[in-house]
Amino acid sequence: MKQRKLKSYVLPTLYVIILMLVFGAVSLVSSFMKKNTNYLYSVDVLGEEETQTVVDTQDNFTNEEVPRGIIKPFTSEKVQIAKTFYDIKGTPEEQQNSLINFQNTYMKNTGVLYNSNEEFEVMTILDGTVISVKEDEILGNVVEVEHNDNLRTVYYSITPSVKVGDVLSQGEIVGIASTNKISESKYNLLMEVYCNGTLLNPEEFYNMDLSTIIN
């Protein structure tokens, strides 16, 4: 019986077909595994471990890397400045606007007197501890908050909602604006800031670098 020889192009063609089939099968399996792996990763890792990582990162960012800034002791847009802080370096006009007249006696304003036609909440401008709650005959009820050994703030003319020893977070309510005998307004807040025993202008204090004060 006469044997037939394969033509020269047949074997190379078969090799190419076989290689294409093998490559296609490998690609199909790889694609399937990749899809399943991504699905498992999204359910197990992102659903549990990555969520925890995001929380930890946020905590570190808030508490350690970027300290919170100083806030004002109120959020109401109805609040206005009635008497500014008395600054010995101010102009005669500015100093005159910072004098408080009580029973025909003029006193230098040691803080900023705010008032409003509407009731407003008074809050602590930084984290701190309440070290004093008392009543002043002229200025009404007074709440004093210590933020650290060098810094404390005093909130006059409010109806307190805190007591001595309370640990407050920034923005926590210390009371409601109330009356005093140096203003005709029904809702008032006189605020003082003491840094290393020295009075600061609260309106300037809000914009100060907190790290230079707290540390």
N, C-alpha and C. Protein backbone atom coordinates (compact mmCIF):
# COMPACT_ATOMS: atom_id res chain seq x y z
N MET A 1 0.85 -1.19 0.00
CA MET A 1 0.00 0.00 0.00
C MET A 1 0.89 1.25 0.00
N LYS A 2 0.56 2.18 -0.85
CA LYS A 2 1.38 3.37 -1.00
C LYS A 2 1.05 4.42 0.07
N GLN A 3 2.06 4.85 0.80
CA GLN A 3 1.84 5.87 1.84
C GLN A 3 1.86 7.27 1.23
N ARG A 4 0.93 8.07 1.79
CA ARG A 4 0.85 9.46 1.34
C ARG A 4 1.61 10.38 2.30
N LYS A 5 2.37 11.25 1.75
CA LYS A 5 3.10 12.23 2.57
C LYS A 5 2.26 13.50 2.73
N LEU A 6 2.31 14.01 3.96
CA LEU A 6 1.58 15.27 4.23
C LEU A 6 2.30 16.42 3.53
N LYS A 7 1.51 17.28 3.02
CA LYS A 7 2.09 18.44 2.36
C LYS A 7 2.81 19.31 3.38
N SER A 8 3.75 20.08 2.93
CA SER A 8 4.65 20.82 3.83
C SER A 8 3.94 21.85 4.70
N TYR A 9 2.81 22.35 4.24
CA TYR A 9 2.15 23.41 5.00
C TYR A 9 1.17 22.88 6.02
N VAL A 10 0.88 21.57 6.02
CA VAL A 10 -0.15 21.02 6.90
C VAL A 10 0.28 21.06 8.35
N LEU A 11 1.48 20.58 8.68
CA LEU A 11 1.94 20.54 10.07
C LEU A 11 2.03 21.93 10.68
N PRO A 12 2.64 22.89 10.04
CA PRO A 12 2.66 24.23 10.63
C PRO A 12 1.26 24.78 10.91
N THR A 13 0.34 24.48 10.00
CA THR A 13 -1.04 24.96 10.19
C THR A 13 -1.66 24.33 11.41
N LEU A 14 -1.43 23.02 11.61
CA LEU A 14 -1.97 22.33 12.79
C LEU A 14 -1.38 22.91 14.08
N TYR A 15 -0.06 23.16 14.03
CA TYR A 15 0.58 23.75 15.22
C TYR A 15 -0.05 25.09 15.58
N VAL A 16 -0.30 25.89 14.58
CA VAL A 16 -0.90 27.22 14.82
C VAL A 16 -2.28 27.08 15.41
N ILE A 17 -3.08 26.13 14.87
CA ILE A 17 -4.45 25.93 15.37
C ILE A 17 -4.42 25.48 16.83
N ILE A 18 -3.50 24.51 17.13
CA ILE A 18 -3.39 24.00 18.49
C ILE A 18 -2.98 25.10 19.46
N LEU A 19 -2.01 25.91 19.05
CA LEU A 19 -1.55 27.02 19.91
C LEU A 19 -2.67 28.03 20.15
N MET A 20 -3.49 28.30 19.16
CA MET A 20 -4.61 29.23 19.31
C MET A 20 -5.65 28.69 20.28
N LEU A 21 -5.90 27.38 20.17
CA LEU A 21 -6.87 26.77 21.09
C LEU A 21 -6.37 26.80 22.53
N VAL A 22 -5.07 26.49 22.71
CA VAL A 22 -4.49 26.49 24.05
C VAL A 22 -4.52 27.91 24.63
N PHE A 23 -4.12 28.89 23.83
CA PHE A 23 -4.08 30.29 24.28
C PHE A 23 -5.48 30.78 24.64
N GLY A 24 -6.48 30.42 23.84
CA GLY A 24 -7.86 30.81 24.11
C GLY A 24 -8.37 30.23 25.40
N ALA A 25 -8.03 28.94 25.65
CA ALA A 25 -8.47 28.29 26.88
C ALA A 25 -7.85 28.94 28.11
N VAL A 26 -6.54 29.22 28.01
CA VAL A 26 -5.84 29.87 29.12
C VAL A 26 -6.44 31.24 29.41
N SER A 27 -6.71 32.01 28.36
CA SER A 27 -7.28 33.35 28.53
C SER A 27 -8.65 33.28 29.18
N LEU A 28 -9.45 32.29 28.77
CA LEU A 28 -10.79 32.13 29.33
C LEU A 28 -10.74 31.81 30.82
N VAL A 29 -9.87 30.89 31.20
CA VAL A 29 -9.72 30.51 32.61
C VAL A 29 -9.21 31.68 33.43
N SER A 30 -8.22 32.38 32.89
CA SER A 30 -7.64 33.53 33.60
C SER A 30 -8.67 34.61 33.84
N SER A 31 -9.48 34.87 32.79
CA SER A 31 -10.52 35.90 32.92
C SER A 31 -11.54 35.51 33.97
N PHE A 32 -11.94 34.26 33.99
CA PHE A 32 -12.91 33.77 34.97
C PHE A 32 -12.38 33.91 36.39
N MET A 33 -11.12 33.52 36.59
CA MET A 33 -10.51 33.60 37.93
C MET A 33 -10.39 35.05 38.38
N LYS A 34 -10.04 35.93 37.43
CA LYS A 34 -9.87 37.34 37.78
C LYS A 34 -11.18 37.95 38.22
N LYS A 35 -12.26 37.63 37.51
CA LYS A 35 -13.57 38.16 37.87
C LYS A 35 -14.00 37.69 39.25
N ASN A 36 -13.81 36.42 39.54
CA ASN A 36 -14.21 35.88 40.83
C ASN A 36 -13.35 36.43 41.95
N THR A 37 -12.05 36.62 41.66
CA THR A 37 -11.16 37.17 42.69
C THR A 37 -11.55 38.60 43.03
N ASN A 38 -11.86 39.42 42.02
CA ASN A 38 -12.28 40.79 42.27
C ASN A 38 -13.56 40.84 43.07
N TYR A 39 -14.46 39.96 42.79
CA TYR A 39 -15.73 39.93 43.51
C TYR A 39 -15.50 39.61 44.97
N LEU A 40 -14.69 38.60 45.23
CA LEU A 40 -14.40 38.23 46.62
C LEU A 40 -13.70 39.36 47.34
N TYR A 41 -12.79 40.05 46.66
CA TYR A 41 -12.06 41.15 47.28
C TYR A 41 -13.00 42.29 47.65
N SER A 42 -13.94 42.57 46.74
CA SER A 42 -14.84 43.68 47.00
C SER A 42 -15.78 43.37 48.16
N VAL A 43 -16.16 42.14 48.34
CA VAL A 43 -17.07 41.77 49.42
C VAL A 43 -16.34 41.68 50.75
N ASP A 44 -15.23 40.95 50.78
CA ASP A 44 -14.56 40.67 52.04
C ASP A 44 -13.65 41.81 52.50
N VAL A 45 -12.80 42.27 51.60
CA VAL A 45 -11.80 43.26 52.00
C VAL A 45 -12.39 44.65 52.09
N LEU A 46 -13.05 45.10 51.03
CA LEU A 46 -13.61 46.44 51.06
C LEU A 46 -14.76 46.53 52.04
N GLY A 47 -15.49 45.44 52.18
CA GLY A 47 -16.64 45.47 53.07
C GLY A 47 -16.26 45.52 54.53
N GLU A 48 -15.08 45.00 54.88
CA GLU A 48 -14.71 44.94 56.29
C GLU A 48 -13.41 45.67 56.57
N GLU A 49 -12.30 45.17 56.01
CA GLU A 49 -10.99 45.69 56.37
C GLU A 49 -10.80 47.12 55.90
N GLU A 50 -11.22 47.44 54.64
CA GLU A 50 -10.97 48.79 54.15
C GLU A 50 -11.83 49.81 54.87
N THR A 51 -13.05 49.43 55.24
CA THR A 51 -13.90 50.34 56.01
C THR A 51 -13.23 50.71 57.30
N GLN A 52 -12.62 49.76 57.98
CA GLN A 52 -11.93 50.02 59.23
C GLN A 52 -10.73 50.93 59.01
N THR A 53 -10.03 50.72 57.88
CA THR A 53 -8.87 51.56 57.57
C THR A 53 -9.28 53.01 57.37
N VAL A 54 -10.40 53.25 56.70
CA VAL A 54 -10.89 54.60 56.48
C VAL A 54 -11.20 55.28 57.79
N VAL A 55 -11.84 54.56 58.70
CA VAL A 55 -12.17 55.12 60.01
C VAL A 55 -10.93 55.50 60.77
N ASP A 56 -9.93 54.60 60.76
CA ASP A 56 -8.69 54.87 61.49
C ASP A 56 -7.98 56.08 60.91
N THR A 57 -7.94 56.18 59.57
CA THR A 57 -7.27 57.31 58.94
C THR A 57 -7.95 58.61 59.31
N GLN A 58 -9.28 58.62 59.32
CA GLN A 58 -10.01 59.84 59.66
C GLN A 58 -9.74 60.24 61.10
N ASP A 59 -9.72 59.26 61.99
CA ASP A 59 -9.45 59.56 63.39
C ASP A 59 -8.08 60.20 63.56
N ASN A 60 -7.07 59.63 62.89
CA ASN A 60 -5.72 60.17 63.00
C ASN A 60 -5.64 61.57 62.41
N PHE A 61 -6.32 61.78 61.30
CA PHE A 61 -6.30 63.08 60.64
C PHE A 61 -6.93 64.13 61.53
N THR A 62 -8.04 63.78 62.18
CA THR A 62 -8.76 64.76 62.99
C THR A 62 -8.03 65.07 64.28
N ASN A 63 -7.53 64.04 64.94
CA ASN A 63 -7.01 64.22 66.29
C ASN A 63 -5.53 64.55 66.36
N GLU A 64 -4.76 64.16 65.34
CA GLU A 64 -3.32 64.30 65.47
C GLU A 64 -2.71 65.24 64.42
N GLU A 65 -3.05 65.03 63.16
CA GLU A 65 -2.33 65.74 62.11
C GLU A 65 -2.82 67.17 61.93
N VAL A 66 -4.16 67.37 61.94
CA VAL A 66 -4.71 68.70 61.69
C VAL A 66 -5.63 69.09 62.85
N PRO A 67 -5.13 69.84 63.83
CA PRO A 67 -5.97 70.26 64.96
C PRO A 67 -7.12 71.13 64.48
N ARG A 68 -8.25 71.00 65.14
CA ARG A 68 -9.39 71.83 64.78
C ARG A 68 -9.10 73.29 65.13
N GLY A 69 -9.64 74.18 64.33
CA GLY A 69 -9.46 75.60 64.58
C GLY A 69 -10.41 76.09 65.66
N ILE A 70 -10.27 77.37 66.00
CA ILE A 70 -11.11 77.99 67.01
C ILE A 70 -12.43 78.41 66.34
N ILE A 71 -13.53 78.20 67.02
CA ILE A 71 -14.83 78.60 66.48
C ILE A 71 -15.40 79.74 67.31
N LYS A 72 -16.39 80.42 66.79
CA LYS A 72 -17.08 81.45 67.55
C LYS A 72 -18.04 80.79 68.54
N PRO A 73 -18.44 81.51 69.59
CA PRO A 73 -19.29 80.90 70.62
C PRO A 73 -20.77 80.88 70.26
N PHE A 74 -21.09 81.08 69.01
CA PHE A 74 -22.48 81.06 68.56
C PHE A 74 -22.51 80.79 67.06
N THR A 75 -23.67 80.36 66.59
CA THR A 75 -23.83 80.10 65.15
C THR A 75 -24.91 80.98 64.53
N SER A 76 -25.70 81.63 65.36
CA SER A 76 -26.78 82.47 64.86
C SER A 76 -26.24 83.65 64.06
N GLU A 77 -26.83 83.89 62.90
CA GLU A 77 -26.43 85.02 62.06
C GLU A 77 -27.07 86.32 62.53
N LYS A 78 -27.96 86.22 63.52
CA LYS A 78 -28.64 87.41 64.05
C LYS A 78 -27.79 88.13 65.10
N VAL A 79 -26.73 87.49 65.56
CA VAL A 79 -25.89 88.05 66.62
C VAL A 79 -25.00 89.15 66.05
N GLN A 80 -24.88 90.24 66.79
CA GLN A 80 -24.02 91.34 66.37
C GLN A 80 -23.17 91.81 67.55
N ILE A 81 -22.13 92.57 67.24
CA ILE A 81 -21.26 93.11 68.27
C ILE A 81 -21.84 94.42 68.79
N ALA A 82 -22.09 94.44 70.09
CA ALA A 82 -22.61 95.66 70.72
C ALA A 82 -21.48 96.53 71.24
N LYS A 83 -20.46 95.91 71.83
CA LYS A 83 -19.30 96.62 72.34
C LYS A 83 -18.05 95.82 72.00
N THR A 84 -17.07 96.48 71.40
CA THR A 84 -15.84 95.81 71.03
C THR A 84 -14.87 95.75 72.20
N PHE A 85 -13.80 95.02 72.01
CA PHE A 85 -12.73 94.87 73.01
C PHE A 85 -11.94 96.18 73.10
N TYR A 86 -11.65 96.60 74.34
CA TYR A 86 -10.88 97.83 74.53
C TYR A 86 -9.40 97.54 74.29
N ASP A 87 -8.85 98.20 73.30
CA ASP A 87 -7.45 98.01 72.92
C ASP A 87 -6.69 99.31 73.18
N ILE A 88 -5.66 99.23 74.02
CA ILE A 88 -4.90 100.45 74.35
C ILE A 88 -4.17 100.99 73.12
N LYS A 89 -4.02 100.16 72.09
CA LYS A 89 -3.37 100.61 70.86
C LYS A 89 -4.38 101.10 69.82
N GLY A 90 -5.66 101.04 70.18
CA GLY A 90 -6.69 101.46 69.23
C GLY A 90 -6.77 102.96 69.08
N THR A 91 -7.52 103.39 68.08
CA THR A 91 -7.73 104.82 67.86
C THR A 91 -8.67 105.35 68.94
N PRO A 92 -8.68 106.67 69.17
CA PRO A 92 -9.61 107.26 70.15
C PRO A 92 -11.06 106.87 69.88
N GLU A 93 -11.44 106.81 68.61
CA GLU A 93 -12.81 106.43 68.26
C GLU A 93 -13.09 104.97 68.64
N GLU A 94 -12.13 104.09 68.34
CA GLU A 94 -12.30 102.67 68.68
C GLU A 94 -12.37 102.48 70.19
N GLN A 95 -11.54 103.20 70.91
CA GLN A 95 -11.56 103.09 72.37
C GLN A 95 -12.87 103.61 72.94
N GLN A 96 -13.41 104.66 72.37
CA GLN A 96 -14.67 105.20 72.84
C GLN A 96 -15.80 104.20 72.63
N ASN A 97 -15.77 103.50 71.51
CA ASN A 97 -16.80 102.50 71.22
C ASN A 97 -16.64 101.25 72.08
N SER A 98 -15.54 101.14 72.80
CA SER A 98 -15.28 99.98 73.66
C SER A 98 -15.53 100.26 75.13
N LEU A 99 -16.07 101.44 75.43
CA LEU A 99 -16.36 101.79 76.82
C LEU A 99 -17.79 101.40 77.17
N ILE A 100 -17.95 100.83 78.36
CA ILE A 100 -19.27 100.45 78.86
C ILE A 100 -19.71 101.46 79.92
N ASN A 101 -20.90 101.99 79.74
CA ASN A 101 -21.44 102.97 80.68
C ASN A 101 -22.41 102.28 81.64
N PHE A 102 -22.06 102.27 82.91
CA PHE A 102 -22.94 101.68 83.91
C PHE A 102 -23.07 102.63 85.09
N GLN A 103 -24.28 103.09 85.30
CA GLN A 103 -24.58 104.03 86.38
C GLN A 103 -23.63 105.23 86.34
N ASN A 104 -23.56 105.82 85.15
CA ASN A 104 -22.75 107.02 84.91
C ASN A 104 -21.25 106.80 85.14
N THR A 105 -20.85 105.56 85.11
CA THR A 105 -19.43 105.22 85.22
C THR A 105 -18.99 104.49 83.96
N TYR A 106 -17.89 104.94 83.36
CA TYR A 106 -17.39 104.31 82.14
C TYR A 106 -16.30 103.28 82.48
N MET A 107 -16.47 102.09 81.90
CA MET A 107 -15.53 100.99 82.15
C MET A 107 -14.99 100.47 80.82
N LYS A 108 -13.72 100.09 80.81
CA LYS A 108 -13.12 99.50 79.61
C LYS A 108 -13.65 98.08 79.43
N ASN A 109 -14.10 97.78 78.24
CA ASN A 109 -14.62 96.45 77.96
C ASN A 109 -13.47 95.46 77.82
N THR A 110 -13.45 94.45 78.68
CA THR A 110 -12.36 93.47 78.70
C THR A 110 -12.62 92.26 77.79
N GLY A 111 -13.73 92.29 77.10
CA GLY A 111 -14.06 91.22 76.16
C GLY A 111 -14.80 91.81 74.97
N VAL A 112 -15.70 91.00 74.42
CA VAL A 112 -16.60 91.49 73.37
C VAL A 112 -18.02 91.23 73.82
N LEU A 113 -18.85 92.26 73.75
CA LEU A 113 -20.26 92.12 74.12
C LEU A 113 -21.08 91.89 72.86
N TYR A 114 -21.72 90.73 72.79
CA TYR A 114 -22.59 90.40 71.67
C TYR A 114 -24.04 90.48 72.13
N ASN A 115 -24.94 90.82 71.21
CA ASN A 115 -26.36 90.73 71.54
C ASN A 115 -27.17 90.43 70.29
N SER A 116 -28.45 90.16 70.52
CA SER A 116 -29.34 89.82 69.41
C SER A 116 -30.78 90.10 69.83
N ASN A 117 -31.63 90.27 68.84
CA ASN A 117 -33.06 90.42 69.12
C ASN A 117 -33.74 89.08 69.31
N GLU A 118 -33.00 88.00 69.02
CA GLU A 118 -33.54 86.65 69.16
C GLU A 118 -32.65 85.83 70.09
N GLU A 119 -33.26 84.89 70.77
CA GLU A 119 -32.50 84.01 71.66
C GLU A 119 -31.48 83.21 70.86
N PHE A 120 -30.28 83.01 71.41
CA PHE A 120 -29.27 82.19 70.73
C PHE A 120 -28.48 81.37 71.74
N GLU A 121 -27.98 80.24 71.26
CA GLU A 121 -27.20 79.34 72.10
C GLU A 121 -25.75 79.80 72.16
N VAL A 122 -25.15 79.58 73.32
CA VAL A 122 -23.74 79.92 73.52
C VAL A 122 -22.96 78.62 73.68
N MET A 123 -21.86 78.47 72.94
CA MET A 123 -21.10 77.22 72.95
C MET A 123 -19.62 77.49 73.24
N THR A 124 -18.96 76.46 73.72
CA THR A 124 -17.53 76.59 73.99
C THR A 124 -16.75 76.58 72.68
N ILE A 125 -15.76 77.46 72.60
CA ILE A 125 -15.02 77.63 71.34
C ILE A 125 -13.96 76.57 71.12
N LEU A 126 -13.62 75.82 72.20
CA LEU A 126 -12.63 74.74 72.13
C LEU A 126 -13.01 73.68 73.16
N ASP A 127 -12.39 72.51 73.08
CA ASP A 127 -12.55 71.52 74.13
C ASP A 127 -12.09 72.11 75.46
N GLY A 128 -12.73 71.72 76.54
CA GLY A 128 -12.30 72.25 77.84
C GLY A 128 -13.11 71.68 78.99
N THR A 129 -12.80 72.15 80.19
CA THR A 129 -13.47 71.71 81.41
C THR A 129 -14.04 72.92 82.14
N VAL A 130 -15.28 72.81 82.59
CA VAL A 130 -15.92 73.89 83.33
C VAL A 130 -15.30 73.98 84.72
N ILE A 131 -14.72 75.12 85.05
CA ILE A 131 -14.06 75.27 86.36
C ILE A 131 -14.82 76.22 87.28
N SER A 132 -15.80 76.93 86.73
CA SER A 132 -16.56 77.85 87.59
C SER A 132 -17.91 78.17 86.96
N VAL A 133 -18.95 78.16 87.79
CA VAL A 133 -20.28 78.62 87.40
C VAL A 133 -20.79 79.47 88.55
N LYS A 134 -21.01 80.75 88.29
CA LYS A 134 -21.40 81.66 89.37
C LYS A 134 -22.29 82.76 88.83
N GLU A 135 -22.73 83.64 89.73
CA GLU A 135 -23.58 84.76 89.33
C GLU A 135 -22.89 86.07 89.66
N ASP A 136 -22.92 86.98 88.69
CA ASP A 136 -22.36 88.32 88.88
C ASP A 136 -23.51 89.31 88.97
N GLU A 137 -23.45 90.22 89.93
CA GLU A 137 -24.55 91.15 90.17
C GLU A 137 -24.85 92.03 88.96
N ILE A 138 -23.82 92.38 88.20
CA ILE A 138 -24.00 93.27 87.05
C ILE A 138 -24.12 92.51 85.75
N LEU A 139 -23.28 91.49 85.58
CA LEU A 139 -23.18 90.80 84.29
C LEU A 139 -23.98 89.51 84.20
N GLY A 140 -24.67 89.14 85.26
CA GLY A 140 -25.50 87.93 85.21
C GLY A 140 -24.69 86.67 85.49
N ASN A 141 -25.19 85.55 85.03
CA ASN A 141 -24.52 84.27 85.27
C ASN A 141 -23.26 84.14 84.43
N VAL A 142 -22.25 83.49 85.03
CA VAL A 142 -20.92 83.40 84.40
C VAL A 142 -20.45 81.94 84.38
N VAL A 143 -19.95 81.51 83.24
CA VAL A 143 -19.37 80.17 83.10
C VAL A 143 -17.92 80.33 82.64
N GLU A 144 -17.00 79.69 83.37
CA GLU A 144 -15.59 79.76 83.02
C GLU A 144 -15.10 78.37 82.59
N VAL A 145 -14.44 78.32 81.44
CA VAL A 145 -13.97 77.05 80.88
C VAL A 145 -12.46 77.10 80.72
N GLU A 146 -11.79 76.08 81.24
CA GLU A 146 -10.33 75.97 81.09
C GLU A 146 -10.01 75.02 79.95
N HIS A 147 -9.21 75.49 79.01
CA HIS A 147 -8.87 74.67 77.84
C HIS A 147 -7.52 73.98 78.02
N ASN A 148 -6.58 74.65 78.66
CA ASN A 148 -5.33 74.05 79.11
C ASN A 148 -4.74 74.97 80.17
N ASP A 149 -3.52 74.70 80.59
CA ASP A 149 -2.92 75.50 81.67
C ASP A 149 -2.75 76.97 81.28
N ASN A 150 -2.69 77.23 79.98
CA ASN A 150 -2.42 78.59 79.52
C ASN A 150 -3.65 79.35 79.03
N LEU A 151 -4.74 78.64 78.83
CA LEU A 151 -5.87 79.25 78.13
C LEU A 151 -7.21 78.96 78.81
N ARG A 152 -8.01 80.01 78.98
CA ARG A 152 -9.37 79.84 79.50
C ARG A 152 -10.27 80.91 78.89
N THR A 153 -11.55 80.59 78.80
CA THR A 153 -12.53 81.54 78.28
C THR A 153 -13.66 81.69 79.30
N VAL A 154 -14.25 82.89 79.31
CA VAL A 154 -15.31 83.21 80.27
C VAL A 154 -16.53 83.69 79.50
N TYR A 155 -17.70 83.15 79.84
CA TYR A 155 -18.95 83.46 79.16
C TYR A 155 -19.92 84.10 80.16
N TYR A 156 -20.17 85.41 80.02
CA TYR A 156 -21.03 86.17 80.92
C TYR A 156 -22.42 86.33 80.31
N SER A 157 -23.38 86.62 81.19
CA SER A 157 -24.74 87.00 80.79
C SER A 157 -25.48 85.87 80.09
N ILE A 158 -25.32 84.64 80.59
CA ILE A 158 -26.01 83.50 79.98
C ILE A 158 -26.78 82.73 81.05
N THR A 159 -27.73 81.95 80.59
CA THR A 159 -28.41 80.98 81.45
C THR A 159 -27.67 79.66 81.29
N PRO A 160 -26.89 79.24 82.29
CA PRO A 160 -26.00 78.08 82.12
C PRO A 160 -26.76 76.76 81.96
N SER A 161 -26.14 75.86 81.20
CA SER A 161 -26.67 74.50 81.06
C SER A 161 -25.60 73.48 81.45
N VAL A 162 -24.54 73.97 82.12
CA VAL A 162 -23.44 73.10 82.55
C VAL A 162 -23.16 73.33 84.02
N LYS A 163 -22.32 72.46 84.58
CA LYS A 163 -21.92 72.58 85.99
C LYS A 163 -20.41 72.39 86.11
N VAL A 164 -19.88 72.77 87.25
CA VAL A 164 -18.44 72.64 87.48
C VAL A 164 -18.02 71.17 87.33
N GLY A 165 -16.94 70.96 86.60
CA GLY A 165 -16.43 69.61 86.39
C GLY A 165 -16.83 69.00 85.06
N ASP A 166 -17.81 69.59 84.39
CA ASP A 166 -18.23 69.05 83.09
C ASP A 166 -17.09 69.18 82.08
N VAL A 167 -16.85 68.10 81.36
CA VAL A 167 -15.85 68.10 80.28
C VAL A 167 -16.58 68.33 78.97
N LEU A 168 -16.23 69.40 78.28
CA LEU A 168 -16.95 69.82 77.09
C LEU A 168 -16.13 69.61 75.83
N SER A 169 -16.81 69.25 74.76
CA SER A 169 -16.20 69.20 73.45
C SER A 169 -16.46 70.51 72.74
N GLN A 170 -15.58 70.85 71.83
CA GLN A 170 -15.74 72.08 71.07
C GLN A 170 -17.12 72.14 70.44
N GLY A 171 -17.78 73.29 70.61
CA GLY A 171 -19.11 73.46 70.04
C GLY A 171 -20.24 73.00 70.94
N GLU A 172 -19.92 72.45 72.11
CA GLU A 172 -20.95 72.01 73.03
C GLU A 172 -21.58 73.21 73.74
N ILE A 173 -22.89 73.14 73.95
CA ILE A 173 -23.64 74.26 74.50
C ILE A 173 -23.30 74.45 75.98
N VAL A 174 -22.99 75.71 76.35
CA VAL A 174 -22.74 76.04 77.76
C VAL A 174 -23.91 76.81 78.36
N GLY A 175 -24.77 77.35 77.51
CA GLY A 175 -25.92 78.08 78.02
C GLY A 175 -26.66 78.83 76.92
N ILE A 176 -27.64 79.63 77.36
CA ILE A 176 -28.44 80.44 76.45
C ILE A 176 -28.20 81.91 76.76
N ALA A 177 -28.06 82.72 75.73
CA ALA A 177 -27.86 84.15 75.91
C ALA A 177 -28.97 84.74 76.78
N SER A 178 -28.58 85.65 77.68
CA SER A 178 -29.54 86.18 78.64
C SER A 178 -29.31 87.67 78.86
N THR A 179 -29.75 88.17 80.01
CA THR A 179 -29.71 89.61 80.28
C THR A 179 -28.55 89.98 81.19
N ASN A 180 -28.25 91.28 81.22
CA ASN A 180 -27.30 91.85 82.17
C ASN A 180 -27.70 93.30 82.40
N LYS A 181 -26.97 94.01 83.23
CA LYS A 181 -27.32 95.39 83.58
C LYS A 181 -26.54 96.43 82.78
N ILE A 182 -25.76 95.99 81.82
CA ILE A 182 -25.01 96.95 81.00
C ILE A 182 -25.58 97.05 79.59
N SER A 183 -26.62 96.28 79.32
CA SER A 183 -27.21 96.28 77.98
C SER A 183 -28.73 96.25 78.10
N GLU A 184 -29.39 96.93 77.19
CA GLU A 184 -30.85 96.92 77.16
C GLU A 184 -31.39 95.73 76.38
N SER A 185 -30.52 95.03 75.68
CA SER A 185 -30.95 93.88 74.90
C SER A 185 -31.36 92.72 75.80
N LYS A 186 -32.31 91.93 75.33
CA LYS A 186 -32.80 90.78 76.11
C LYS A 186 -31.85 89.60 76.02
N TYR A 187 -31.11 89.51 74.92
CA TYR A 187 -30.23 88.36 74.70
C TYR A 187 -28.80 88.85 74.50
N ASN A 188 -27.93 88.49 75.44
CA ASN A 188 -26.55 88.99 75.44
C ASN A 188 -25.54 87.88 75.73
N LEU A 189 -24.32 88.16 75.33
CA LEU A 189 -23.16 87.34 75.69
C LEU A 189 -21.95 88.25 75.75
N LEU A 190 -21.32 88.29 76.90
CA LEU A 190 -20.04 88.97 77.03
C LEU A 190 -18.98 87.89 77.18
N MET A 191 -18.03 87.88 76.30
CA MET A 191 -17.02 86.83 76.31
C MET A 191 -15.62 87.41 76.50
N GLU A 192 -14.84 86.75 77.37
CA GLU A 192 -13.45 87.11 77.62
C GLU A 192 -12.55 85.93 77.29
N VAL A 193 -11.33 86.24 76.85
CA VAL A 193 -10.31 85.22 76.57
C VAL A 193 -9.05 85.58 77.34
N TYR A 194 -8.57 84.62 78.15
CA TYR A 194 -7.34 84.81 78.90
C TYR A 194 -6.29 83.81 78.41
N CYS A 195 -5.15 84.32 77.96
CA CYS A 195 -4.04 83.47 77.55
C CYS A 195 -2.82 83.85 78.37
N ASN A 196 -2.34 82.91 79.18
CA ASN A 196 -1.22 83.18 80.10
C ASN A 196 -1.51 84.38 80.99
N GLY A 197 -2.78 84.48 81.39
CA GLY A 197 -3.18 85.55 82.29
C GLY A 197 -3.43 86.89 81.63
N THR A 198 -3.24 86.98 80.31
CA THR A 198 -3.42 88.23 79.58
C THR A 198 -4.71 88.19 78.79
N LEU A 199 -5.47 89.29 78.83
CA LEU A 199 -6.70 89.37 78.07
C LEU A 199 -6.42 89.54 76.59
N LEU A 200 -7.14 88.78 75.76
CA LEU A 200 -7.03 88.88 74.32
C LEU A 200 -8.35 89.33 73.73
N ASN A 201 -8.26 89.96 72.58
CA ASN A 201 -9.47 90.35 71.86
C ASN A 201 -10.09 89.09 71.24
N PRO A 202 -11.29 88.69 71.68
CA PRO A 202 -11.90 87.47 71.14
C PRO A 202 -12.02 87.47 69.62
N GLU A 203 -12.33 88.62 69.03
CA GLU A 203 -12.51 88.68 67.58
C GLU A 203 -11.21 88.40 66.84
N GLU A 204 -10.09 88.74 67.45
CA GLU A 204 -8.79 88.41 66.86
C GLU A 204 -8.38 86.98 67.21
N PHE A 205 -8.79 86.53 68.37
CA PHE A 205 -8.43 85.19 68.84
C PHE A 205 -8.97 84.10 67.93
N TYR A 206 -10.18 84.29 67.38
CA TYR A 206 -10.78 83.27 66.51
C TYR A 206 -9.88 82.92 65.33
N ASN A 207 -9.07 83.87 64.89
CA ASN A 207 -8.24 83.66 63.69
C ASN A 207 -6.78 83.33 64.02
N MET A 208 -6.48 83.12 65.28
CA MET A 208 -5.10 82.82 65.66
C MET A 208 -4.72 81.38 65.35
N ASP A 209 -3.42 81.12 65.26
CA ASP A 209 -2.88 79.78 65.07
C ASP A 209 -3.01 79.01 66.37
N LEU A 210 -3.87 78.02 66.38
CA LEU A 210 -4.16 77.29 67.62
C LEU A 210 -2.93 76.59 68.19
N SER A 211 -2.03 76.14 67.33
CA SER A 211 -0.86 75.40 67.80
C SER A 211 0.06 76.27 68.65
N THR A 212 0.07 77.57 68.40
CA THR A 212 0.93 78.46 69.18
C THR A 212 0.34 78.76 70.55
N ILE A 213 -0.91 78.42 70.75
CA ILE A 213 -1.59 78.70 72.01
C ILE A 213 -1.71 77.46 72.86
N ILE A 214 -2.12 76.36 72.24
CA ILE A 214 -2.37 75.11 72.96
C ILE A 214 -1.07 74.46 73.41
N ASN A 215 -0.04 74.48 72.56
CA ASN A 215 1.21 73.79 72.88
C ASN A 215 2.08 74.58 73.85
